[in-house]
């Protein structure tokens, strides 16, 4: 039992590490920073890397990492990228320069809301399909059929409201994309 707990502890610690021993030994901190910047990782990611490499007794070249991260953020912080990040459902960690952070965050939030609406609509459609299949169960009592029909009506109303939201977010996203293209 003690061996099992020890193994579990090792696995948990290893699962939390951002870098392997090989990654730390390679020491390509500029490339690592570049990649983290391009994916919009927050600055706290450096601390996570330092912590992981400290376990192996390997120091991090903070200057090279930060230089690479700055280069990566130049790619990440393009306004058109805010839409793609939001539509993919990824969070934005406010890593862009203050001069565009507000606009980037707004573009991202609109795209993210659209992505959430689409996912919720898919979920509602699946729920509705399941309820409609349930209605064909010959073993259902009238009371259960009535309850399911009420559920279907409620889900239909939710879906209609969600479609309205989706339409609104799609129009807003289109307008913001036109706005963003005027900044190029």
N, C-alpha and C. Protein backbone atom coordinates (compact mmCIF):
# COMPACT_ATOMS: atom_id res chain seq x y z
N UNK A 1 0.82 -1.19 0.00
CA UNK A 1 0.00 0.00 0.00
C UNK A 1 0.87 1.26 0.00
N UNK A 2 1.93 1.25 0.79
CA UNK A 2 2.83 2.40 0.86
C UNK A 2 3.50 2.64 -0.49
N UNK A 3 3.89 1.54 -1.16
CA UNK A 3 4.52 1.67 -2.48
C UNK A 3 3.53 2.28 -3.48
N UNK A 4 2.29 1.87 -3.38
CA UNK A 4 1.27 2.40 -4.28
C UNK A 4 1.07 3.90 -4.06
N UNK A 5 1.03 4.33 -2.81
CA UNK A 5 0.89 5.75 -2.51
C UNK A 5 2.10 6.54 -2.98
N UNK A 6 3.29 5.97 -2.82
CA UNK A 6 4.51 6.64 -3.28
C UNK A 6 4.48 6.81 -4.79
N UNK A 7 4.09 5.75 -5.49
CA UNK A 7 4.01 5.80 -6.95
C UNK A 7 2.97 6.84 -7.39
N UNK A 8 1.85 6.87 -6.71
CA UNK A 8 0.81 7.84 -7.03
C UNK A 8 1.33 9.26 -6.83
N UNK A 9 2.06 9.49 -5.77
CA UNK A 9 2.64 10.81 -5.50
C UNK A 9 3.61 11.23 -6.59
N UNK A 10 4.45 10.31 -7.03
CA UNK A 10 5.40 10.60 -8.11
C UNK A 10 4.65 10.94 -9.40
N UNK A 11 3.62 10.17 -9.70
CA UNK A 11 2.84 10.42 -10.91
C UNK A 11 2.14 11.78 -10.86
N UNK A 12 1.62 12.14 -9.71
CA UNK A 12 0.96 13.44 -9.58
C UNK A 12 1.94 14.58 -9.77
N UNK A 13 3.12 14.47 -9.18
CA UNK A 13 4.13 15.51 -9.34
C UNK A 13 4.58 15.58 -10.79
N UNK A 14 4.81 14.43 -11.41
CA UNK A 14 5.25 14.40 -12.80
C UNK A 14 4.16 14.97 -13.71
N UNK A 15 2.91 14.70 -13.40
CA UNK A 15 1.82 15.19 -14.21
C UNK A 15 1.68 16.70 -14.15
N UNK A 16 2.18 17.33 -13.09
CA UNK A 16 2.06 18.76 -12.94
C UNK A 16 3.22 19.51 -13.58
N UNK A 17 4.32 18.83 -13.85
CA UNK A 17 5.51 19.48 -14.40
C UNK A 17 5.22 19.95 -15.82
N UNK A 18 5.69 21.18 -16.12
CA UNK A 18 5.48 21.72 -17.46
C UNK A 18 6.56 21.24 -18.42
N UNK A 19 7.71 20.82 -17.87
CA UNK A 19 8.84 20.39 -18.69
C UNK A 19 9.43 19.10 -18.16
N UNK A 20 9.96 18.31 -19.07
CA UNK A 20 10.66 17.09 -18.69
C UNK A 20 12.13 17.41 -18.42
N UNK A 21 12.85 16.44 -17.90
CA UNK A 21 14.29 16.61 -17.67
C UNK A 21 14.99 16.95 -18.99
N UNK A 22 14.57 16.27 -20.07
CA UNK A 22 15.19 16.52 -21.37
C UNK A 22 14.94 17.95 -21.84
N UNK A 23 13.71 18.43 -21.64
CA UNK A 23 13.39 19.81 -22.03
C UNK A 23 14.26 20.79 -21.25
N UNK A 24 14.39 20.55 -19.96
CA UNK A 24 15.20 21.44 -19.12
C UNK A 24 16.66 21.38 -19.52
N UNK A 25 17.17 20.18 -19.79
CA UNK A 25 18.58 20.00 -20.16
C UNK A 25 18.88 20.63 -21.51
N UNK A 26 17.93 20.55 -22.42
CA UNK A 26 18.12 21.11 -23.77
C UNK A 26 18.41 22.60 -23.66
N UNK A 27 17.73 23.28 -22.77
CA UNK A 27 18.02 24.68 -22.49
C UNK A 27 17.72 25.64 -23.63
N UNK A 28 16.80 25.30 -24.49
CA UNK A 28 16.43 26.18 -25.59
C UNK A 28 15.34 27.14 -25.12
N UNK A 29 15.73 28.02 -24.21
CA UNK A 29 14.76 28.88 -23.53
C UNK A 29 14.11 29.89 -24.46
N UNK A 30 14.84 30.37 -25.45
CA UNK A 30 14.26 31.34 -26.39
C UNK A 30 13.13 30.68 -27.19
N UNK A 31 13.36 29.46 -27.65
CA UNK A 31 12.32 28.75 -28.42
C UNK A 31 11.12 28.42 -27.54
N UNK A 32 11.40 28.03 -26.31
CA UNK A 32 10.32 27.72 -25.38
C UNK A 32 9.48 28.98 -25.11
N UNK A 33 10.16 30.10 -24.89
CA UNK A 33 9.45 31.37 -24.69
C UNK A 33 8.67 31.78 -25.92
N UNK A 34 9.27 31.57 -27.10
CA UNK A 34 8.60 31.88 -28.36
C UNK A 34 7.30 31.09 -28.48
N UNK A 35 7.38 29.80 -28.21
CA UNK A 35 6.20 28.95 -28.29
C UNK A 35 5.14 29.37 -27.26
N UNK A 36 5.56 29.64 -26.04
CA UNK A 36 4.61 30.07 -25.01
C UNK A 36 3.97 31.41 -25.39
N UNK A 37 4.75 32.31 -25.98
CA UNK A 37 4.20 33.58 -26.43
C UNK A 37 3.20 33.40 -27.55
N UNK A 38 3.53 32.54 -28.51
CA UNK A 38 2.63 32.30 -29.65
C UNK A 38 1.31 31.67 -29.23
N UNK A 39 1.31 30.97 -28.10
CA UNK A 39 0.07 30.36 -27.62
C UNK A 39 -0.60 31.19 -26.53
N UNK A 40 -0.04 32.37 -26.24
CA UNK A 40 -0.68 33.28 -25.29
C UNK A 40 -0.60 32.85 -23.84
N UNK A 41 0.44 32.10 -23.51
CA UNK A 41 0.60 31.67 -22.12
C UNK A 41 0.87 32.89 -21.23
N UNK A 42 0.31 32.91 -20.03
CA UNK A 42 0.57 34.03 -19.12
C UNK A 42 2.02 34.02 -18.64
N UNK A 43 2.47 35.14 -18.12
CA UNK A 43 3.86 35.24 -17.67
C UNK A 43 4.16 34.27 -16.53
N UNK A 44 3.13 33.83 -15.82
CA UNK A 44 3.32 32.86 -14.73
C UNK A 44 3.84 31.52 -15.24
N UNK A 45 3.75 31.31 -16.54
CA UNK A 45 4.23 30.05 -17.13
C UNK A 45 5.74 29.90 -16.88
N UNK A 46 6.48 31.01 -16.89
CA UNK A 46 7.92 30.96 -16.62
C UNK A 46 8.17 30.37 -15.24
N UNK A 47 7.40 30.80 -14.26
CA UNK A 47 7.56 30.28 -12.90
C UNK A 47 7.31 28.77 -12.87
N UNK A 48 6.32 28.31 -13.62
CA UNK A 48 6.03 26.88 -13.69
C UNK A 48 7.21 26.12 -14.30
N UNK A 49 7.81 26.71 -15.35
CA UNK A 49 8.99 26.08 -15.97
C UNK A 49 10.16 26.05 -14.98
N UNK A 50 10.35 27.16 -14.27
CA UNK A 50 11.44 27.23 -13.29
C UNK A 50 11.26 26.17 -12.21
N UNK A 51 10.05 26.02 -11.75
CA UNK A 51 9.74 25.03 -10.72
C UNK A 51 10.02 23.62 -11.23
N UNK A 52 9.61 23.34 -12.47
CA UNK A 52 9.83 22.01 -13.04
C UNK A 52 11.32 21.72 -13.18
N UNK A 53 12.09 22.68 -13.67
CA UNK A 53 13.52 22.46 -13.89
C UNK A 53 14.30 22.45 -12.57
N UNK A 54 13.78 23.14 -11.57
CA UNK A 54 14.43 23.15 -10.26
C UNK A 54 14.46 21.73 -9.68
N UNK A 55 13.43 20.95 -9.99
CA UNK A 55 13.38 19.57 -9.51
C UNK A 55 14.56 18.75 -10.03
N UNK A 56 15.09 19.16 -11.19
CA UNK A 56 16.22 18.45 -11.79
C UNK A 56 17.53 19.20 -11.55
N UNK A 57 17.47 20.30 -10.81
CA UNK A 57 18.67 21.09 -10.52
C UNK A 57 19.18 21.85 -11.73
N UNK A 58 18.30 22.18 -12.65
CA UNK A 58 18.70 22.87 -13.89
C UNK A 58 18.12 24.28 -13.87
N UNK A 59 18.99 25.30 -14.01
CA UNK A 59 18.50 26.68 -14.00
C UNK A 59 17.85 27.06 -15.34
N UNK A 60 16.96 28.03 -15.27
CA UNK A 60 16.28 28.55 -16.46
C UNK A 60 16.95 29.86 -16.86
N UNK A 61 17.17 30.04 -18.16
CA UNK A 61 17.69 31.30 -18.67
C UNK A 61 16.50 32.24 -18.89
N UNK A 62 16.20 32.99 -17.86
CA UNK A 62 15.02 33.85 -17.86
C UNK A 62 15.07 34.89 -18.97
N UNK A 63 16.23 35.47 -19.19
CA UNK A 63 16.37 36.51 -20.21
C UNK A 63 16.05 35.97 -21.61
N UNK A 64 16.59 34.79 -21.94
CA UNK A 64 16.33 34.19 -23.25
C UNK A 64 14.85 33.82 -23.38
N UNK A 65 14.29 33.27 -22.31
CA UNK A 65 12.87 32.89 -22.33
C UNK A 65 11.99 34.11 -22.59
N UNK A 66 12.22 35.19 -21.83
CA UNK A 66 11.38 36.39 -21.95
C UNK A 66 11.54 37.05 -23.32
N UNK A 67 12.75 37.01 -23.87
CA UNK A 67 12.97 37.56 -25.21
C UNK A 67 12.18 36.76 -26.24
N UNK A 68 12.23 35.44 -26.15
CA UNK A 68 11.47 34.59 -27.06
C UNK A 68 9.97 34.79 -26.88
N UNK A 69 9.54 34.90 -25.64
CA UNK A 69 8.11 35.09 -25.36
C UNK A 69 7.60 36.39 -25.98
N UNK A 70 8.40 37.46 -25.87
CA UNK A 70 8.01 38.74 -26.48
C UNK A 70 7.82 38.60 -27.98
N UNK A 71 8.73 37.87 -28.63
CA UNK A 71 8.59 37.64 -30.08
C UNK A 71 7.31 36.85 -30.37
N UNK A 72 7.06 35.83 -29.57
CA UNK A 72 5.86 35.01 -29.76
C UNK A 72 4.59 35.81 -29.55
N UNK A 73 4.61 36.71 -28.58
CA UNK A 73 3.42 37.53 -28.31
C UNK A 73 3.10 38.46 -29.48
N UNK A 74 4.13 38.84 -30.25
CA UNK A 74 3.86 39.67 -31.43
C UNK A 74 2.99 38.92 -32.43
N UNK A 75 3.20 37.62 -32.55
CA UNK A 75 2.35 36.80 -33.42
C UNK A 75 0.97 36.61 -32.79
N UNK A 76 0.96 36.32 -31.52
CA UNK A 76 -0.29 36.02 -30.81
C UNK A 76 -1.22 37.23 -30.76
N UNK A 77 -0.67 38.40 -30.53
CA UNK A 77 -1.47 39.59 -30.25
C UNK A 77 -1.97 40.31 -31.50
N UNK A 78 -2.07 39.62 -32.60
CA UNK A 78 -2.71 40.19 -33.79
C UNK A 78 -4.22 40.19 -33.54
N UNK A 79 -4.87 41.26 -33.90
CA UNK A 79 -6.31 41.38 -33.62
C UNK A 79 -7.12 40.27 -34.27
N UNK A 80 -6.73 39.84 -35.49
CA UNK A 80 -7.47 38.77 -36.14
C UNK A 80 -7.33 37.45 -35.38
N UNK A 81 -6.25 37.31 -34.63
CA UNK A 81 -6.04 36.09 -33.84
C UNK A 81 -7.00 36.03 -32.65
N UNK A 82 -7.44 37.18 -32.17
CA UNK A 82 -8.39 37.20 -31.04
C UNK A 82 -9.66 36.44 -31.40
N UNK A 83 -10.09 36.58 -32.65
CA UNK A 83 -11.30 35.87 -33.09
C UNK A 83 -11.08 34.36 -33.09
N UNK A 84 -9.94 33.95 -33.66
CA UNK A 84 -9.66 32.51 -33.76
C UNK A 84 -9.53 31.87 -32.38
N UNK A 85 -8.88 32.56 -31.47
CA UNK A 85 -8.70 32.03 -30.12
C UNK A 85 -10.06 31.89 -29.43
N UNK A 86 -10.89 32.91 -29.55
CA UNK A 86 -12.22 32.86 -28.93
C UNK A 86 -13.09 31.78 -29.53
N UNK A 87 -13.08 31.67 -30.86
CA UNK A 87 -13.91 30.65 -31.53
C UNK A 87 -13.44 29.24 -31.22
N UNK A 88 -12.17 29.09 -30.86
CA UNK A 88 -11.67 27.75 -30.50
C UNK A 88 -11.97 27.41 -29.04
N UNK A 89 -12.51 28.39 -28.30
CA UNK A 89 -12.87 28.13 -26.90
C UNK A 89 -11.72 28.28 -25.92
N UNK A 90 -10.61 28.83 -26.39
CA UNK A 90 -9.45 29.01 -25.51
C UNK A 90 -9.56 30.34 -24.77
N UNK A 91 -9.11 30.37 -23.52
CA UNK A 91 -9.19 31.62 -22.75
C UNK A 91 -8.13 32.62 -23.19
N UNK A 92 -8.36 33.87 -22.88
CA UNK A 92 -7.38 34.93 -23.11
C UNK A 92 -6.88 35.39 -21.75
N UNK A 93 -5.56 35.45 -21.59
CA UNK A 93 -4.94 35.75 -20.30
C UNK A 93 -4.43 37.19 -20.19
N UNK A 94 -4.91 38.08 -21.04
CA UNK A 94 -4.51 39.49 -21.01
C UNK A 94 -2.99 39.64 -21.07
N UNK A 95 -2.40 39.03 -22.08
CA UNK A 95 -0.96 39.06 -22.26
C UNK A 95 -0.51 40.08 -23.30
N UNK A 96 -1.45 40.70 -23.99
CA UNK A 96 -1.10 41.64 -25.05
C UNK A 96 -0.76 43.01 -24.45
N UNK A 97 -0.03 43.82 -25.21
CA UNK A 97 0.34 45.16 -24.71
C UNK A 97 -0.90 45.98 -24.37
N UNK A 98 -0.78 46.86 -23.40
CA UNK A 98 -1.93 47.68 -22.98
C UNK A 98 -2.58 48.44 -24.13
N UNK A 99 -1.81 48.79 -25.15
CA UNK A 99 -2.36 49.56 -26.26
C UNK A 99 -3.43 48.80 -27.04
N UNK A 100 -3.40 47.47 -27.03
CA UNK A 100 -4.42 46.70 -27.75
C UNK A 100 -5.15 45.70 -26.86
N UNK A 101 -4.77 45.61 -25.61
CA UNK A 101 -5.35 44.59 -24.72
C UNK A 101 -6.87 44.70 -24.65
N UNK A 102 -7.39 45.90 -24.48
CA UNK A 102 -8.84 46.06 -24.36
C UNK A 102 -9.58 45.62 -25.61
N UNK A 103 -9.07 46.03 -26.76
CA UNK A 103 -9.70 45.66 -28.02
C UNK A 103 -9.57 44.15 -28.26
N UNK A 104 -8.38 43.61 -28.00
CA UNK A 104 -8.15 42.17 -28.17
C UNK A 104 -9.11 41.39 -27.27
N UNK A 105 -9.24 41.82 -26.02
CA UNK A 105 -10.12 41.14 -25.07
C UNK A 105 -11.58 41.21 -25.53
N UNK A 106 -11.99 42.36 -26.07
CA UNK A 106 -13.37 42.51 -26.55
C UNK A 106 -13.63 41.59 -27.75
N UNK A 107 -12.71 41.57 -28.69
CA UNK A 107 -12.86 40.70 -29.87
C UNK A 107 -12.90 39.24 -29.43
N UNK A 108 -12.01 38.89 -28.53
CA UNK A 108 -11.96 37.50 -28.03
C UNK A 108 -13.27 37.14 -27.32
N UNK A 109 -13.74 38.02 -26.45
CA UNK A 109 -14.95 37.74 -25.66
C UNK A 109 -16.16 37.53 -26.57
N UNK A 110 -16.26 38.32 -27.63
CA UNK A 110 -17.39 38.16 -28.56
C UNK A 110 -17.31 36.82 -29.27
N UNK A 111 -16.12 36.47 -29.75
CA UNK A 111 -15.94 35.18 -30.43
C UNK A 111 -16.15 34.02 -29.46
N UNK A 112 -15.68 34.18 -28.24
CA UNK A 112 -15.83 33.14 -27.22
C UNK A 112 -17.32 32.93 -26.90
N UNK A 113 -18.08 34.02 -26.80
CA UNK A 113 -19.52 33.92 -26.54
C UNK A 113 -20.22 33.20 -27.68
N UNK A 114 -19.80 33.47 -28.90
CA UNK A 114 -20.37 32.78 -30.06
C UNK A 114 -20.08 31.29 -29.99
N UNK A 115 -18.85 30.95 -29.63
CA UNK A 115 -18.47 29.54 -29.51
C UNK A 115 -19.30 28.86 -28.42
N UNK A 116 -19.50 29.54 -27.30
CA UNK A 116 -20.32 28.98 -26.21
C UNK A 116 -21.76 28.78 -26.66
N UNK A 117 -22.30 29.75 -27.40
CA UNK A 117 -23.66 29.63 -27.91
C UNK A 117 -23.79 28.42 -28.83
N UNK A 118 -22.82 28.24 -29.71
CA UNK A 118 -22.86 27.10 -30.64
C UNK A 118 -22.81 25.78 -29.88
N UNK A 119 -21.93 25.70 -28.89
CA UNK A 119 -21.82 24.47 -28.10
C UNK A 119 -23.11 24.20 -27.33
N UNK A 120 -23.70 25.25 -26.76
CA UNK A 120 -24.95 25.10 -26.02
C UNK A 120 -26.09 24.70 -26.95
N UNK A 121 -26.11 25.26 -28.16
CA UNK A 121 -27.14 24.88 -29.13
C UNK A 121 -27.00 23.40 -29.51
N UNK A 122 -25.78 22.95 -29.70
CA UNK A 122 -25.56 21.52 -29.98
C UNK A 122 -26.07 20.66 -28.84
N UNK A 123 -25.79 21.09 -27.61
CA UNK A 123 -26.23 20.33 -26.44
C UNK A 123 -27.76 20.29 -26.37
N UNK A 124 -28.38 21.44 -26.58
CA UNK A 124 -29.85 21.49 -26.57
C UNK A 124 -30.46 20.63 -27.67
N UNK A 125 -29.86 20.67 -28.86
CA UNK A 125 -30.37 19.84 -29.96
C UNK A 125 -30.28 18.36 -29.59
N UNK A 126 -29.18 17.96 -28.97
CA UNK A 126 -29.04 16.56 -28.53
C UNK A 126 -30.07 16.21 -27.46
N UNK A 127 -30.28 17.13 -26.50
CA UNK A 127 -31.29 16.90 -25.46
C UNK A 127 -32.68 16.76 -26.07
N UNK A 128 -32.98 17.64 -27.02
CA UNK A 128 -34.29 17.58 -27.68
C UNK A 128 -34.47 16.27 -28.43
N UNK A 129 -33.46 15.86 -29.15
CA UNK A 129 -33.55 14.60 -29.90
C UNK A 129 -33.78 13.43 -28.95
N UNK A 130 -33.10 13.44 -27.81
CA UNK A 130 -33.29 12.38 -26.82
C UNK A 130 -34.70 12.38 -26.25
N UNK A 131 -35.22 13.56 -25.93
CA UNK A 131 -36.59 13.65 -25.40
C UNK A 131 -37.61 13.19 -26.44
N UNK A 132 -37.38 13.58 -27.69
CA UNK A 132 -38.31 13.17 -28.75
C UNK A 132 -38.28 11.65 -28.95
N UNK A 133 -37.10 11.05 -28.83
CA UNK A 133 -37.01 9.58 -28.89
C UNK A 133 -37.75 8.95 -27.72
N UNK A 134 -37.62 9.57 -26.55
CA UNK A 134 -38.28 9.04 -25.35
C UNK A 134 -39.80 8.98 -25.52
N UNK A 135 -40.35 9.93 -26.27
CA UNK A 135 -41.80 9.96 -26.48
C UNK A 135 -42.32 8.71 -27.17
N UNK A 136 -41.49 8.05 -27.94
CA UNK A 136 -41.92 6.86 -28.69
C UNK A 136 -41.88 5.58 -27.85
N UNK A 137 -41.49 5.71 -26.60
CA UNK A 137 -41.46 4.54 -25.71
C UNK A 137 -42.90 4.15 -25.39
N UNK A 138 -43.28 2.97 -25.81
CA UNK A 138 -44.66 2.48 -25.64
C UNK A 138 -45.02 2.25 -24.17
N UNK A 139 -44.01 2.13 -23.33
CA UNK A 139 -44.26 1.83 -21.92
C UNK A 139 -44.55 3.09 -21.09
N UNK A 140 -44.46 4.26 -21.70
CA UNK A 140 -44.68 5.51 -20.96
C UNK A 140 -46.15 5.69 -20.60
N UNK A 141 -46.36 6.17 -19.40
CA UNK A 141 -47.73 6.53 -19.00
C UNK A 141 -48.08 7.88 -19.64
N UNK A 142 -49.35 8.22 -19.62
CA UNK A 142 -49.77 9.52 -20.16
C UNK A 142 -49.12 10.66 -19.39
N UNK A 143 -49.01 10.47 -18.09
CA UNK A 143 -48.39 11.49 -17.24
C UNK A 143 -46.93 11.72 -17.65
N UNK A 144 -46.20 10.63 -17.89
CA UNK A 144 -44.80 10.75 -18.32
C UNK A 144 -44.70 11.39 -19.70
N UNK A 145 -45.62 11.02 -20.60
CA UNK A 145 -45.63 11.62 -21.93
C UNK A 145 -45.87 13.12 -21.84
N UNK A 146 -46.79 13.51 -20.98
CA UNK A 146 -47.10 14.93 -20.79
C UNK A 146 -45.88 15.67 -20.24
N UNK A 147 -45.21 15.06 -19.27
CA UNK A 147 -44.01 15.66 -18.68
C UNK A 147 -42.93 15.84 -19.75
N UNK A 148 -42.74 14.83 -20.59
CA UNK A 148 -41.72 14.91 -21.64
C UNK A 148 -42.09 15.99 -22.66
N UNK A 149 -43.37 16.07 -23.01
CA UNK A 149 -43.80 17.12 -23.95
C UNK A 149 -43.55 18.52 -23.36
N UNK A 150 -43.81 18.67 -22.06
CA UNK A 150 -43.52 19.95 -21.40
C UNK A 150 -42.02 20.25 -21.46
N UNK A 151 -41.20 19.23 -21.21
CA UNK A 151 -39.75 19.41 -21.30
C UNK A 151 -39.33 19.82 -22.71
N UNK A 152 -39.95 19.19 -23.69
CA UNK A 152 -39.62 19.52 -25.09
C UNK A 152 -39.99 20.97 -25.40
N UNK A 153 -41.16 21.41 -24.93
CA UNK A 153 -41.56 22.81 -25.15
C UNK A 153 -40.57 23.76 -24.49
N UNK A 154 -40.16 23.44 -23.25
CA UNK A 154 -39.18 24.29 -22.55
C UNK A 154 -37.86 24.33 -23.32
N UNK A 155 -37.41 23.17 -23.78
CA UNK A 155 -36.16 23.12 -24.53
C UNK A 155 -36.28 23.88 -25.86
N UNK A 156 -37.44 23.79 -26.49
CA UNK A 156 -37.67 24.54 -27.74
C UNK A 156 -37.57 26.04 -27.49
N UNK A 157 -38.16 26.51 -26.40
CA UNK A 157 -38.09 27.94 -26.08
C UNK A 157 -36.65 28.36 -25.80
N UNK A 158 -35.94 27.54 -25.04
CA UNK A 158 -34.52 27.84 -24.77
C UNK A 158 -33.73 27.89 -26.07
N UNK A 159 -34.01 26.93 -26.95
CA UNK A 159 -33.30 26.89 -28.23
C UNK A 159 -33.60 28.14 -29.06
N UNK A 160 -34.85 28.58 -29.05
CA UNK A 160 -35.20 29.80 -29.79
C UNK A 160 -34.46 31.02 -29.24
N UNK A 161 -34.41 31.15 -27.92
CA UNK A 161 -33.67 32.27 -27.31
C UNK A 161 -32.19 32.18 -27.65
N UNK A 162 -31.66 30.97 -27.60
CA UNK A 162 -30.25 30.78 -27.90
C UNK A 162 -29.95 31.10 -29.37
N UNK A 163 -30.85 30.74 -30.25
CA UNK A 163 -30.66 31.08 -31.67
C UNK A 163 -30.65 32.60 -31.86
N UNK A 164 -31.50 33.30 -31.11
CA UNK A 164 -31.48 34.77 -31.17
C UNK A 164 -30.13 35.30 -30.70
N UNK A 165 -29.64 34.76 -29.58
CA UNK A 165 -28.32 35.16 -29.08
C UNK A 165 -27.23 34.86 -30.09
N UNK A 166 -27.32 33.69 -30.68
CA UNK A 166 -26.33 33.27 -31.67
C UNK A 166 -26.33 34.23 -32.86
N UNK A 167 -27.51 34.56 -33.33
CA UNK A 167 -27.63 35.51 -34.44
C UNK A 167 -26.99 36.85 -34.06
N UNK A 168 -27.30 37.34 -32.87
CA UNK A 168 -26.74 38.61 -32.39
C UNK A 168 -25.21 38.53 -32.32
N UNK A 169 -24.68 37.46 -31.74
CA UNK A 169 -23.22 37.33 -31.63
C UNK A 169 -22.55 37.18 -32.99
N UNK A 170 -23.21 36.50 -33.92
CA UNK A 170 -22.64 36.38 -35.27
C UNK A 170 -22.57 37.73 -35.96
N UNK A 171 -23.64 38.54 -35.84
CA UNK A 171 -23.63 39.88 -36.45
C UNK A 171 -22.57 40.75 -35.79
N UNK A 172 -22.48 40.67 -34.47
CA UNK A 172 -21.48 41.47 -33.75
C UNK A 172 -20.08 41.06 -34.15
N UNK A 173 -19.84 39.76 -34.29
CA UNK A 173 -18.52 39.27 -34.69
C UNK A 173 -18.19 39.75 -36.11
N UNK A 174 -19.16 39.71 -37.01
CA UNK A 174 -18.93 40.20 -38.37
C UNK A 174 -18.52 41.68 -38.35
N UNK A 175 -19.22 42.48 -37.56
CA UNK A 175 -18.91 43.91 -37.47
C UNK A 175 -17.52 44.13 -36.88
N UNK A 176 -17.17 43.35 -35.87
CA UNK A 176 -15.85 43.50 -35.26
C UNK A 176 -14.75 43.07 -36.21
N UNK A 177 -15.00 42.05 -37.02
CA UNK A 177 -14.00 41.63 -38.01
C UNK A 177 -13.78 42.73 -39.04
N UNK A 178 -14.86 43.37 -39.46
CA UNK A 178 -14.70 44.49 -40.40
C UNK A 178 -13.89 45.61 -39.74
N UNK A 179 -14.19 45.87 -38.48
CA UNK A 179 -13.46 46.90 -37.74
C UNK A 179 -11.99 46.54 -37.64
N UNK A 180 -11.70 45.29 -37.31
CA UNK A 180 -10.30 44.86 -37.15
C UNK A 180 -9.55 44.95 -38.47
N UNK A 181 -10.23 44.65 -39.58
CA UNK A 181 -9.54 44.71 -40.87
C UNK A 181 -9.19 46.15 -41.24
N UNK A 182 -9.91 47.11 -40.70
CA UNK A 182 -9.59 48.51 -40.99
C UNK A 182 -8.33 48.97 -40.26
N UNK A 183 -7.86 48.21 -39.27
CA UNK A 183 -6.65 48.57 -38.53
C UNK A 183 -5.38 48.06 -39.20
N UNK A 184 -5.53 47.24 -40.20
CA UNK A 184 -4.34 46.66 -40.85
C UNK A 184 -3.62 47.66 -41.68
